[in-house]
């Protein structure tokens, strides 16, 4: 069986089994980490793996990641990436908007909400800002803002 520690970055999988002590298992379940949940490892920081689960980023140690068994999704393979990692012409669907307070609110007010299709139209010569098409209009975002938007990249 595959563990969460073995999954490549940004690859979406489904939790199959968690072999953890009861107290820790209940704590993770309270955060929404239950069998059947979609989850992705989005980064590594030191000895921790940063995972994306629903609307939350969690840092879990490698020893914990090795105790969480996952399986491939039955639907088409999905990849979650931040918006700034897409190239011109690529498209996807917004999975989540991170950030806090006024920044998150402003991004959502501009139409960047869960389930919205987007397409990268242009990149400035140095890659900042990014121009994208969302809800029928063109929108330019700074790279720092686009890092907060997680999308499910369309696999061709």
Protein backbone atom coordinates (compact mmCIF):
# COMPACT_ATOMS: atom_id res chain seq x y z
CA UNK A 1 0.00 0.00 0.00
CA UNK A 2 1.06 3.57 -0.66
CA UNK A 3 1.59 5.99 2.21
CA UNK A 4 1.16 9.75 2.15
CA UNK A 5 4.95 10.05 2.49
CA UNK A 6 5.36 8.28 -0.90
CA UNK A 7 2.96 10.53 -2.85
CA UNK A 8 4.49 13.03 -5.29
CA UNK A 9 3.91 16.73 -4.67
CA UNK A 10 0.51 18.15 -5.71
CA UNK A 11 -0.88 14.72 -6.62
CA UNK A 12 -4.40 14.29 -5.24
CA UNK A 13 -5.14 10.99 -3.49
CA UNK A 14 -7.82 9.60 -1.22
CA UNK A 15 -7.22 8.50 2.39
CA UNK A 16 -7.70 4.74 2.67
CA UNK A 17 -6.55 3.94 6.22
CA UNK A 18 -4.84 5.65 9.17
CA UNK A 19 -2.77 3.54 11.58
CA UNK A 20 -2.43 6.11 14.37
CA UNK A 21 -2.94 6.14 18.13
CA UNK A 22 -6.58 6.84 19.01
CA UNK A 23 -6.03 10.33 20.48
CA UNK A 24 -4.06 11.52 17.45
CA UNK A 25 -6.49 9.84 15.06
CA UNK A 26 -9.43 11.62 16.72
CA UNK A 27 -7.61 14.96 16.61
CA UNK A 28 -7.00 14.58 12.85
CA UNK A 29 -10.58 13.45 12.30
CA UNK A 30 -11.78 16.62 14.07
CA UNK A 31 -9.84 18.56 11.40
CA UNK A 32 -11.68 16.65 8.67
CA UNK A 33 -8.99 14.08 7.93
CA UNK A 34 -11.12 10.95 7.60
CA UNK A 35 -11.08 7.85 5.42
CA UNK A 36 -12.33 8.84 1.96
CA UNK A 37 -11.09 12.47 2.11
CA UNK A 38 -9.18 13.92 -0.82
CA UNK A 39 -5.73 15.11 0.18
CA UNK A 40 -2.52 16.33 -1.46
CA UNK A 41 1.03 16.96 -0.27
CA UNK A 42 1.80 20.46 -1.54
CA UNK A 43 5.25 21.09 -0.07
CA UNK A 44 8.01 19.83 2.19
CA UNK A 45 9.39 21.96 4.99
CA UNK A 46 12.27 20.42 6.90
CA UNK A 47 11.10 17.08 8.26
CA UNK A 48 7.43 17.98 7.71
CA UNK A 49 5.08 17.51 4.79
CA UNK A 50 2.62 20.33 4.15
CA UNK A 51 -0.71 18.82 3.15
CA UNK A 52 -3.83 20.41 1.71
CA UNK A 53 -7.05 19.05 3.15
CA UNK A 54 -10.36 20.76 2.36
CA UNK A 55 -9.72 24.41 3.25
CA UNK A 56 -6.75 23.78 5.51
CA UNK A 57 -3.00 23.41 5.21
CA UNK A 58 -1.47 21.13 7.82
CA UNK A 59 2.14 20.30 8.61
CA UNK A 60 2.62 16.64 9.50
CA UNK A 61 5.88 14.91 10.35
CA UNK A 62 7.27 12.27 7.99
CA UNK A 63 6.61 9.59 10.64
CA UNK A 64 2.89 10.51 10.61
CA UNK A 65 2.78 10.64 6.81
CA UNK A 66 4.08 7.06 6.76
CA UNK A 67 1.13 5.92 8.91
CA UNK A 68 -1.52 7.33 6.56
CA UNK A 69 -2.31 4.98 3.69
CA UNK A 70 -3.81 6.38 0.50
CA UNK A 71 -5.20 5.16 -2.79
CA UNK A 72 -5.52 6.67 -6.25
CA UNK A 73 -8.73 8.43 -7.14
CA UNK A 74 -11.05 6.47 -9.40
CA UNK A 75 -11.83 9.47 -11.60
CA UNK A 76 -9.32 11.10 -13.97
CA UNK A 77 -5.99 11.80 -12.34
CA UNK A 78 -6.00 15.21 -10.70
CA UNK A 79 -3.18 17.54 -9.75
CA UNK A 80 -3.55 20.45 -7.37
CA UNK A 81 -1.15 23.35 -7.87
CA UNK A 82 -1.08 27.01 -6.95
CA UNK A 83 -2.24 29.35 -9.71
CA UNK A 84 1.25 30.78 -10.23
CA UNK A 85 2.50 27.34 -11.38
CA UNK A 86 0.27 27.23 -14.47
CA UNK A 87 1.67 28.23 -17.87
CA UNK A 88 0.03 30.35 -20.57
CA UNK A 89 -2.91 28.47 -22.11
CA UNK A 90 -3.31 26.05 -19.21
CA UNK A 91 -6.62 25.92 -17.39
CA UNK A 92 -8.09 24.49 -14.26
CA UNK A 93 -10.80 24.77 -11.65
CA UNK A 94 -10.31 26.57 -8.35
CA UNK A 95 -10.14 24.16 -5.40
CA UNK A 96 -9.47 26.67 -2.63
CA UNK A 97 -8.39 30.22 -1.84
CA UNK A 98 -5.92 30.59 1.05
CA UNK A 99 -4.92 33.71 2.88
CA UNK A 100 -6.60 35.59 5.63
CA UNK A 101 -8.79 38.58 6.17
CA UNK A 102 -8.92 41.29 3.53
CA UNK A 103 -6.64 39.54 0.99
CA UNK A 104 -8.77 36.40 0.84
CA UNK A 105 -11.97 38.48 0.77
CA UNK A 106 -10.62 40.62 -2.11
CA UNK A 107 -9.64 37.57 -4.17
CA UNK A 108 -13.08 36.05 -3.63
CA UNK A 109 -14.79 39.36 -4.48
CA UNK A 110 -12.94 39.30 -7.82
CA UNK A 111 -14.65 35.99 -8.63
CA UNK A 112 -11.95 33.56 -7.52
CA UNK A 113 -14.18 31.09 -5.68
CA UNK A 114 -14.23 27.31 -5.30
CA UNK A 115 -15.42 25.50 -8.44
CA UNK A 116 -14.74 28.42 -10.83
CA UNK A 117 -12.93 27.56 -14.10
CA UNK A 118 -9.90 29.72 -14.94
CA UNK A 119 -7.41 29.98 -17.80
CA UNK A 120 -3.98 31.63 -17.90
CA UNK A 121 -3.98 34.20 -20.74
CA UNK A 122 -0.64 36.04 -20.42
CA UNK A 123 2.43 36.34 -18.25
CA UNK A 124 4.46 39.51 -17.88
CA UNK A 125 8.08 39.18 -19.11
CA UNK A 126 9.35 38.45 -15.59
CA UNK A 127 6.31 36.32 -14.70
CA UNK A 128 4.66 38.96 -12.51
CA UNK A 129 1.76 39.83 -12.87
CA UNK A 130 -0.28 36.97 -14.31
CA UNK A 131 -3.30 37.65 -16.52
CA UNK A 132 -6.09 35.11 -16.36
CA UNK A 133 -9.62 34.69 -17.67
CA UNK A 134 -12.24 34.07 -15.02
CA UNK A 135 -16.04 34.39 -15.29
CA UNK A 136 -15.77 35.97 -18.77
CA UNK A 137 -13.33 38.77 -17.95
CA UNK A 138 -9.57 39.26 -17.82
CA UNK A 139 -7.96 39.66 -14.39
CA UNK A 140 -4.35 40.46 -13.50
CA UNK A 141 -2.92 39.17 -10.22
CA UNK A 142 0.44 39.62 -8.55
CA UNK A 143 2.44 36.42 -8.21
CA UNK A 144 2.15 36.65 -4.40
CA UNK A 145 -1.66 36.74 -4.71
CA UNK A 146 -1.80 33.90 -7.23
CA UNK A 147 0.18 31.65 -4.86
CA UNK A 148 -2.85 31.71 -2.53
CA UNK A 149 -5.21 30.21 -5.13
CA UNK A 150 -5.11 26.39 -5.41
CA UNK A 151 -6.44 24.91 -8.66
CA UNK A 152 -7.15 21.45 -9.99
CA UNK A 153 -5.11 21.46 -13.17
CA UNK A 154 -6.81 19.98 -16.23
CA UNK A 155 -4.84 16.99 -17.48
CA UNK A 156 -4.81 16.72 -21.25
